[in-house]
PDB file of N, CA and C in Angstrom:
ATOM      1  N   UNK A   1       8.051 -23.108 -22.385  1.00  0.00           N
ATOM      2  CA  UNK A   1       7.613 -23.300 -21.020  1.00  0.00           C
ATOM      3  C   UNK A   1       7.582 -21.971 -20.251  1.00  0.00           C
ATOM      4  N   UNK A   2       8.564 -21.123 -20.443  1.00  0.00           N
ATOM      5  CA  UNK A   2       8.624 -19.843 -19.738  1.00  0.00           C
ATOM      6  C   UNK A   2       7.382 -18.998 -20.032  1.00  0.00           C
ATOM      7  N   UNK A   3       7.005 -18.872 -21.300  1.00  0.00           N
ATOM      8  CA  UNK A   3       5.856 -18.051 -21.679  1.00  0.00           C
ATOM      9  C   UNK A   3       4.578 -18.589 -21.035  1.00  0.00           C
ATOM     10  N   UNK A   4       4.427 -19.878 -21.011  1.00  0.00           N
ATOM     11  CA  UNK A   4       3.242 -20.483 -20.399  1.00  0.00           C
ATOM     12  C   UNK A   4       3.202 -20.185 -18.897  1.00  0.00           C
ATOM     13  N   UNK A   5       4.336 -20.260 -18.241  1.00  0.00           N
ATOM     14  CA  UNK A   5       4.407 -19.964 -16.811  1.00  0.00           C
ATOM     15  C   UNK A   5       4.041 -18.511 -16.539  1.00  0.00           C
ATOM     16  N   UNK A   6       4.527 -17.591 -17.362  1.00  0.00           N
ATOM     17  CA  UNK A   6       4.207 -16.165 -17.203  1.00  0.00           C
ATOM     18  C   UNK A   6       2.706 -15.950 -17.355  1.00  0.00           C
ATOM     19  N   UNK A   7       2.111 -16.537 -18.377  1.00  0.00           N
ATOM     20  CA  UNK A   7       0.671 -16.382 -18.596  1.00  0.00           C
ATOM     21  C   UNK A   7      -0.131 -16.963 -17.426  1.00  0.00           C
ATOM     22  N   UNK A   8       0.273 -18.117 -16.917  1.00  0.00           N
ATOM     23  CA  UNK A   8      -0.431 -18.734 -15.782  1.00  0.00           C
ATOM     24  C   UNK A   8      -0.350 -17.865 -14.537  1.00  0.00           C
ATOM     25  N   UNK A   9       0.822 -17.301 -14.271  1.00  0.00           N
ATOM     26  CA  UNK A   9       0.964 -16.420 -13.114  1.00  0.00           C
ATOM     27  C   UNK A   9       0.093 -15.178 -13.262  1.00  0.00           C
ATOM     28  N   UNK A  10       0.066 -14.604 -14.455  1.00  0.00           N
ATOM     29  CA  UNK A  10      -0.728 -13.400 -14.696  1.00  0.00           C
ATOM     30  C   UNK A  10      -2.214 -13.680 -14.519  1.00  0.00           C
ATOM     31  N   UNK A  11      -2.659 -14.848 -14.944  1.00  0.00           N
ATOM     32  CA  UNK A  11      -4.076 -15.192 -14.819  1.00  0.00           C
ATOM     33  C   UNK A  11      -4.505 -15.355 -13.365  1.00  0.00           C
ATOM     34  N   UNK A  12      -3.599 -15.804 -12.522  1.00  0.00           N
ATOM     35  CA  UNK A  12      -3.966 -16.017 -11.119  1.00  0.00           C
ATOM     36  C   UNK A  12      -3.686 -14.795 -10.240  1.00  0.00           C
ATOM     37  N   UNK A  13      -3.061 -13.782 -10.781  1.00  0.00           N
ATOM     38  CA  UNK A  13      -2.719 -12.582 -10.018  1.00  0.00           C
ATOM     39  C   UNK A  13      -3.896 -11.610  -9.939  1.00  0.00           C
ATOM     40  N   UNK A  14      -3.933 -10.842  -8.852  1.00  0.00           N
ATOM     41  CA  UNK A  14      -4.940  -9.782  -8.745  1.00  0.00           C
ATOM     42  C   UNK A  14      -4.550  -8.585  -9.605  1.00  0.00           C
ATOM     43  N   UNK A  15      -3.235  -8.319  -9.673  1.00  0.00           N
ATOM     44  CA  UNK A  15      -2.706  -7.216 -10.494  1.00  0.00           C
ATOM     45  C   UNK A  15      -1.493  -7.728 -11.243  1.00  0.00           C
ATOM     46  N   UNK A  16      -1.337  -7.272 -12.471  1.00  0.00           N
ATOM     47  CA  UNK A  16      -0.197  -7.677 -13.282  1.00  0.00           C
ATOM     48  C   UNK A  16       0.650  -6.449 -13.576  1.00  0.00           C
ATOM     49  N   UNK A  17       1.920  -6.502 -13.141  1.00  0.00           N
ATOM     50  CA  UNK A  17       2.842  -5.389 -13.325  1.00  0.00           C
ATOM     51  C   UNK A  17       4.090  -5.883 -14.047  1.00  0.00           C
ATOM     52  N   UNK A  18       4.651  -5.024 -14.874  1.00  0.00           N
ATOM     53  CA  UNK A  18       5.871  -5.358 -15.606  1.00  0.00           C
ATOM     54  C   UNK A  18       6.890  -4.247 -15.391  1.00  0.00           C
ATOM     55  N   UNK A  19       8.125  -4.639 -15.211  1.00  0.00           N
ATOM     56  CA  UNK A  19       9.250  -3.715 -15.144  1.00  0.00           C
ATOM     57  C   UNK A  19      10.114  -4.008 -16.360  1.00  0.00           C
ATOM     58  N   UNK A  20      10.241  -3.029 -17.256  1.00  0.00           N
ATOM     59  CA  UNK A  20      11.004  -3.244 -18.486  1.00  0.00           C
ATOM     60  C   UNK A  20      11.567  -1.932 -19.007  1.00  0.00           C
ATOM     61  N   UNK A  21      12.620  -2.035 -19.795  1.00  0.00           N
ATOM     62  CA  UNK A  21      13.169  -0.829 -20.410  1.00  0.00           C
ATOM     63  C   UNK A  21      12.344  -0.478 -21.646  1.00  0.00           C
ATOM     64  N   UNK A  22      12.264   0.799 -21.947  1.00  0.00           N
ATOM     65  CA  UNK A  22      11.375   1.287 -23.003  1.00  0.00           C
ATOM     66  C   UNK A  22      11.692   0.731 -24.383  1.00  0.00           C
ATOM     67  N   UNK A  23      12.934   0.376 -24.646  1.00  0.00           N
ATOM     68  CA  UNK A  23      13.263  -0.117 -25.990  1.00  0.00           C
ATOM     69  C   UNK A  23      12.571  -1.452 -26.305  1.00  0.00           C
ATOM     70  N   UNK A  24      12.104  -2.150 -25.280  1.00  0.00           N
ATOM     71  CA  UNK A  24      11.405  -3.424 -25.500  1.00  0.00           C
ATOM     72  C   UNK A  24      10.070  -3.220 -26.212  1.00  0.00           C
ATOM     73  N   UNK A  25       9.492  -2.035 -26.142  1.00  0.00           N
ATOM     74  CA  UNK A  25       8.209  -1.787 -26.795  1.00  0.00           C
ATOM     75  C   UNK A  25       8.322  -1.750 -28.310  1.00  0.00           C
ATOM     76  N   UNK A  26       9.517  -1.578 -28.828  1.00  0.00           N
ATOM     77  CA  UNK A  26       9.707  -1.547 -30.281  1.00  0.00           C
ATOM     78  C   UNK A  26      10.223  -2.881 -30.813  1.00  0.00           C
ATOM     79  N   UNK A  27      10.365  -3.876 -29.947  1.00  0.00           N
ATOM     80  CA  UNK A  27      10.845  -5.192 -30.355  1.00  0.00           C
ATOM     81  C   UNK A  27       9.686  -6.182 -30.389  1.00  0.00           C
ATOM     82  N   UNK A  28       9.758  -7.096 -31.345  1.00  0.00           N
ATOM     83  CA  UNK A  28       8.745  -8.135 -31.451  1.00  0.00           C
ATOM     84  C   UNK A  28       9.377  -9.443 -31.009  1.00  0.00           C
ATOM     85  N   UNK A  29       8.789 -10.061 -30.012  1.00  0.00           N
ATOM     86  CA  UNK A  29       9.312 -11.324 -29.507  1.00  0.00           C
ATOM     87  C   UNK A  29       8.817 -12.504 -30.328  1.00  0.00           C
ATOM     88  N   UNK A  30       9.533 -13.595 -30.231  1.00  0.00           N
ATOM     89  CA  UNK A  30       9.143 -14.813 -30.934  1.00  0.00           C
ATOM     90  C   UNK A  30       7.877 -15.399 -30.307  1.00  0.00           C
ATOM     91  N   UNK A  31       7.820 -15.350 -28.978  1.00  0.00           N
ATOM     92  CA  UNK A  31       6.669 -15.872 -28.248  1.00  0.00           C
ATOM     93  C   UNK A  31       6.057 -14.735 -27.439  1.00  0.00           C
ATOM     94  N   UNK A  32       4.856 -14.291 -27.805  1.00  0.00           N
ATOM     95  CA  UNK A  32       4.237 -13.216 -27.037  1.00  0.00           C
ATOM     96  C   UNK A  32       3.870 -13.706 -25.631  1.00  0.00           C
ATOM     97  N   UNK A  33       4.158 -12.878 -24.623  1.00  0.00           N
ATOM     98  CA  UNK A  33       3.853 -13.273 -23.251  1.00  0.00           C
ATOM     99  C   UNK A  33       2.460 -12.815 -22.833  1.00  0.00           C
ATOM    100  N   UNK A  34       2.205 -11.522 -22.932  1.00  0.00           N
ATOM    101  CA  UNK A  34       0.923 -10.956 -22.541  1.00  0.00           C
ATOM    102  C   UNK A  34       0.559  -9.828 -23.490  1.00  0.00           C
ATOM    103  N   UNK A  35      -0.719  -9.609 -23.658  1.00  0.00           N
ATOM    104  CA  UNK A  35      -1.133  -8.449 -24.444  1.00  0.00           C
ATOM    105  C   UNK A  35      -1.308  -7.259 -23.507  1.00  0.00           C
ATOM    106  N   UNK A  36      -1.320  -6.076 -24.066  1.00  0.00           N
ATOM    107  CA  UNK A  36      -1.419  -4.866 -23.247  1.00  0.00           C
ATOM    108  C   UNK A  36      -2.654  -4.881 -22.346  1.00  0.00           C
ATOM    109  N   UNK A  37      -3.762  -5.385 -22.868  1.00  0.00           N
ATOM    110  CA  UNK A  37      -4.992  -5.341 -22.073  1.00  0.00           C
ATOM    111  C   UNK A  37      -4.993  -6.321 -20.896  1.00  0.00           C
ATOM    112  N   UNK A  38      -3.957  -7.122 -20.755  1.00  0.00           N
ATOM    113  CA  UNK A  38      -3.825  -8.023 -19.609  1.00  0.00           C
ATOM    114  C   UNK A  38      -2.982  -7.404 -18.491  1.00  0.00           C
ATOM    115  N   UNK A  39      -2.497  -6.196 -18.706  1.00  0.00           N
ATOM    116  CA  UNK A  39      -1.607  -5.539 -17.741  1.00  0.00           C
ATOM    117  C   UNK A  39      -2.332  -4.461 -16.957  1.00  0.00           C
ATOM    118  N   UNK A  40      -1.878  -4.262 -15.730  1.00  0.00           N
ATOM    119  CA  UNK A  40      -2.400  -3.173 -14.911  1.00  0.00           C
ATOM    120  C   UNK A  40      -1.420  -2.004 -14.887  1.00  0.00           C
ATOM    121  N   UNK A  41      -0.138  -2.308 -14.698  1.00  0.00           N
ATOM    122  CA  UNK A  41       0.873  -1.263 -14.533  1.00  0.00           C
ATOM    123  C   UNK A  41       2.159  -1.666 -15.235  1.00  0.00           C
ATOM    124  N   UNK A  42       2.804  -0.682 -15.849  1.00  0.00           N
ATOM    125  CA  UNK A  42       4.129  -0.888 -16.442  1.00  0.00           C
ATOM    126  C   UNK A  42       5.074   0.140 -15.840  1.00  0.00           C
ATOM    127  N   UNK A  43       6.200  -0.333 -15.355  1.00  0.00           N
ATOM    128  CA  UNK A  43       7.281   0.515 -14.868  1.00  0.00           C
ATOM    129  C   UNK A  43       8.363   0.505 -15.938  1.00  0.00           C
ATOM    130  N   UNK A  44       8.726   1.678 -16.431  1.00  0.00           N
ATOM    131  CA  UNK A  44       9.716   1.764 -17.499  1.00  0.00           C
ATOM    132  C   UNK A  44      10.465   3.083 -17.401  1.00  0.00           C
ATOM    133  N   UNK A  45      11.474   3.231 -18.242  1.00  0.00           N
ATOM    134  CA  UNK A  45      12.245   4.471 -18.230  1.00  0.00           C
ATOM    135  C   UNK A  45      11.510   5.563 -19.006  1.00  0.00           C
ATOM    136  N   UNK A  46      12.012   6.778 -18.894  1.00  0.00           N
ATOM    137  CA  UNK A  46      11.329   7.931 -19.480  1.00  0.00           C
ATOM    138  C   UNK A  46      11.566   8.108 -20.980  1.00  0.00           C
ATOM    139  N   UNK A  47      12.135   7.111 -21.629  1.00  0.00           N
ATOM    140  CA  UNK A  47      12.347   7.181 -23.078  1.00  0.00           C
ATOM    141  C   UNK A  47      11.275   6.426 -23.860  1.00  0.00           C
ATOM    142  N   UNK A  48      10.207   6.018 -23.197  1.00  0.00           N
ATOM    143  CA  UNK A  48       9.113   5.321 -23.873  1.00  0.00           C
ATOM    144  C   UNK A  48       8.516   6.228 -24.946  1.00  0.00           C
ATOM    145  N   UNK A  49       8.216   5.684 -26.094  1.00  0.00           N
ATOM    146  CA  UNK A  49       7.700   6.489 -27.201  1.00  0.00           C
ATOM    147  C   UNK A  49       6.260   6.917 -26.940  1.00  0.00           C
ATOM    148  N   UNK A  50       5.865   7.991 -27.578  1.00  0.00           N
ATOM    149  CA  UNK A  50       4.487   8.464 -27.457  1.00  0.00           C
ATOM    150  C   UNK A  50       3.519   7.416 -28.004  1.00  0.00           C
ATOM    151  N   UNK A  51       3.926   6.733 -29.063  1.00  0.00           N
ATOM    152  CA  UNK A  51       3.080   5.696 -29.659  1.00  0.00           C
ATOM    153  C   UNK A  51       2.808   4.567 -28.655  1.00  0.00           C
ATOM    154  N   UNK A  52       3.845   4.107 -27.980  1.00  0.00           N
ATOM    155  CA  UNK A  52       3.679   3.044 -26.983  1.00  0.00           C
ATOM    156  C   UNK A  52       2.816   3.541 -25.823  1.00  0.00           C
ATOM    157  N   UNK A  53       3.032   4.779 -25.385  1.00  0.00           N
ATOM    158  CA  UNK A  53       2.216   5.350 -24.305  1.00  0.00           C
ATOM    159  C   UNK A  53       0.743   5.356 -24.683  1.00  0.00           C
ATOM    160  N   UNK A  54       0.453   5.794 -25.900  1.00  0.00           N
ATOM    161  CA  UNK A  54      -0.940   5.870 -26.356  1.00  0.00           C
ATOM    162  C   UNK A  54      -1.589   4.494 -26.390  1.00  0.00           C
ATOM    163  N   UNK A  55      -0.848   3.487 -26.855  1.00  0.00           N
ATOM    164  CA  UNK A  55      -1.396   2.130 -26.901  1.00  0.00           C
ATOM    165  C   UNK A  55      -1.703   1.610 -25.502  1.00  0.00           C
ATOM    166  N   UNK A  56      -0.813   1.876 -24.571  1.00  0.00           N
ATOM    167  CA  UNK A  56      -1.023   1.429 -23.198  1.00  0.00           C
ATOM    168  C   UNK A  56      -2.177   2.178 -22.537  1.00  0.00           C
ATOM    169  N   UNK A  57      -2.203   3.477 -22.721  1.00  0.00           N
ATOM    170  CA  UNK A  57      -3.262   4.289 -22.120  1.00  0.00           C
ATOM    171  C   UNK A  57      -4.626   3.941 -22.710  1.00  0.00           C
ATOM    172  N   UNK A  58      -4.665   3.521 -23.969  1.00  0.00           N
ATOM    173  CA  UNK A  58      -5.928   3.159 -24.616  1.00  0.00           C
ATOM    174  C   UNK A  58      -6.600   1.959 -23.954  1.00  0.00           C
ATOM    175  N   UNK A  59      -5.809   1.112 -23.295  1.00  0.00           N
ATOM    176  CA  UNK A  59      -6.373  -0.049 -22.594  1.00  0.00           C
ATOM    177  C   UNK A  59      -6.226   0.108 -21.072  1.00  0.00           C
ATOM    178  N   UNK A  60      -6.088   1.358 -20.639  1.00  0.00           N
ATOM    179  CA  UNK A  60      -6.069   1.715 -19.211  1.00  0.00           C
ATOM    180  C   UNK A  60      -4.923   1.093 -18.416  1.00  0.00           C
ATOM    181  N   UNK A  61      -3.754   0.986 -19.028  1.00  0.00           N
ATOM    182  CA  UNK A  61      -2.568   0.525 -18.312  1.00  0.00           C
ATOM    183  C   UNK A  61      -1.910   1.744 -17.671  1.00  0.00           C
ATOM    184  N   UNK A  62      -1.626   1.662 -16.377  1.00  0.00           N
ATOM    185  CA  UNK A  62      -0.931   2.743 -15.684  1.00  0.00           C
ATOM    186  C   UNK A  62       0.541   2.671 -16.053  1.00  0.00           C
ATOM    187  N   UNK A  63       1.130   3.807 -16.415  1.00  0.00           N
ATOM    188  CA  UNK A  63       2.547   3.875 -16.778  1.00  0.00           C
ATOM    189  C   UNK A  63       3.284   4.653 -15.686  1.00  0.00           C
ATOM    190  N   UNK A  64       4.291   4.023 -15.119  1.00  0.00           N
ATOM    191  CA  UNK A  64       5.117   4.677 -14.105  1.00  0.00           C
ATOM    192  C   UNK A  64       6.502   4.833 -14.694  1.00  0.00           C
ATOM    193  N   UNK A  65       6.929   6.088 -14.830  1.00  0.00           N
ATOM    194  CA  UNK A  65       8.223   6.374 -15.450  1.00  0.00           C
ATOM    195  C   UNK A  65       9.305   6.537 -14.386  1.00  0.00           C
ATOM    196  N   UNK A  66      10.414   5.877 -14.643  1.00  0.00           N
ATOM    197  CA  UNK A  66      11.585   6.021 -13.789  1.00  0.00           C
ATOM    198  C   UNK A  66      12.524   7.014 -14.454  1.00  0.00           C
ATOM    199  N   UNK A  67      13.026   7.942 -13.695  1.00  0.00           N
ATOM    200  CA  UNK A  67      13.998   8.885 -14.237  1.00  0.00           C
ATOM    201  C   UNK A  67      15.344   8.584 -13.615  1.00  0.00           C
ATOM    202  N   UNK A  68      16.400   8.711 -14.406  1.00  0.00           N
ATOM    203  CA  UNK A  68      17.733   8.397 -13.874  1.00  0.00           C
ATOM    204  C   UNK A  68      18.128   9.328 -12.732  1.00  0.00           C
ATOM    205  N   UNK A  69      18.800   8.776 -11.779  1.00  0.00           N
ATOM    206  CA  UNK A  69      19.301   9.583 -10.658  1.00  0.00           C
ATOM    207  C   UNK A  69      20.458  10.443 -11.150  1.00  0.00           C
ATOM    208  N   UNK A  70      20.559  11.630 -10.617  1.00  0.00           N
ATOM    209  CA  UNK A  70      21.653  12.511 -11.030  1.00  0.00           C
ATOM    210  C   UNK A  70      22.736  12.579 -10.009  1.00  0.00           C
TER     211      UNK A  70
END
């Protein structure tokens, strides 16, 4: 039910944004929520891999990196 709700919200939204930690890009979920080409912007930490960045940039997803406060 959760995955279906996420997909329905994304379909009705003008923009789809995700806030997630970079390690999630190397994990495979049991139920996929959205594909990269359904996203507009991803907010993540600065440890995102170059491979994940390239995949996101290939489908024009804006990547916003958060850096830890010092």
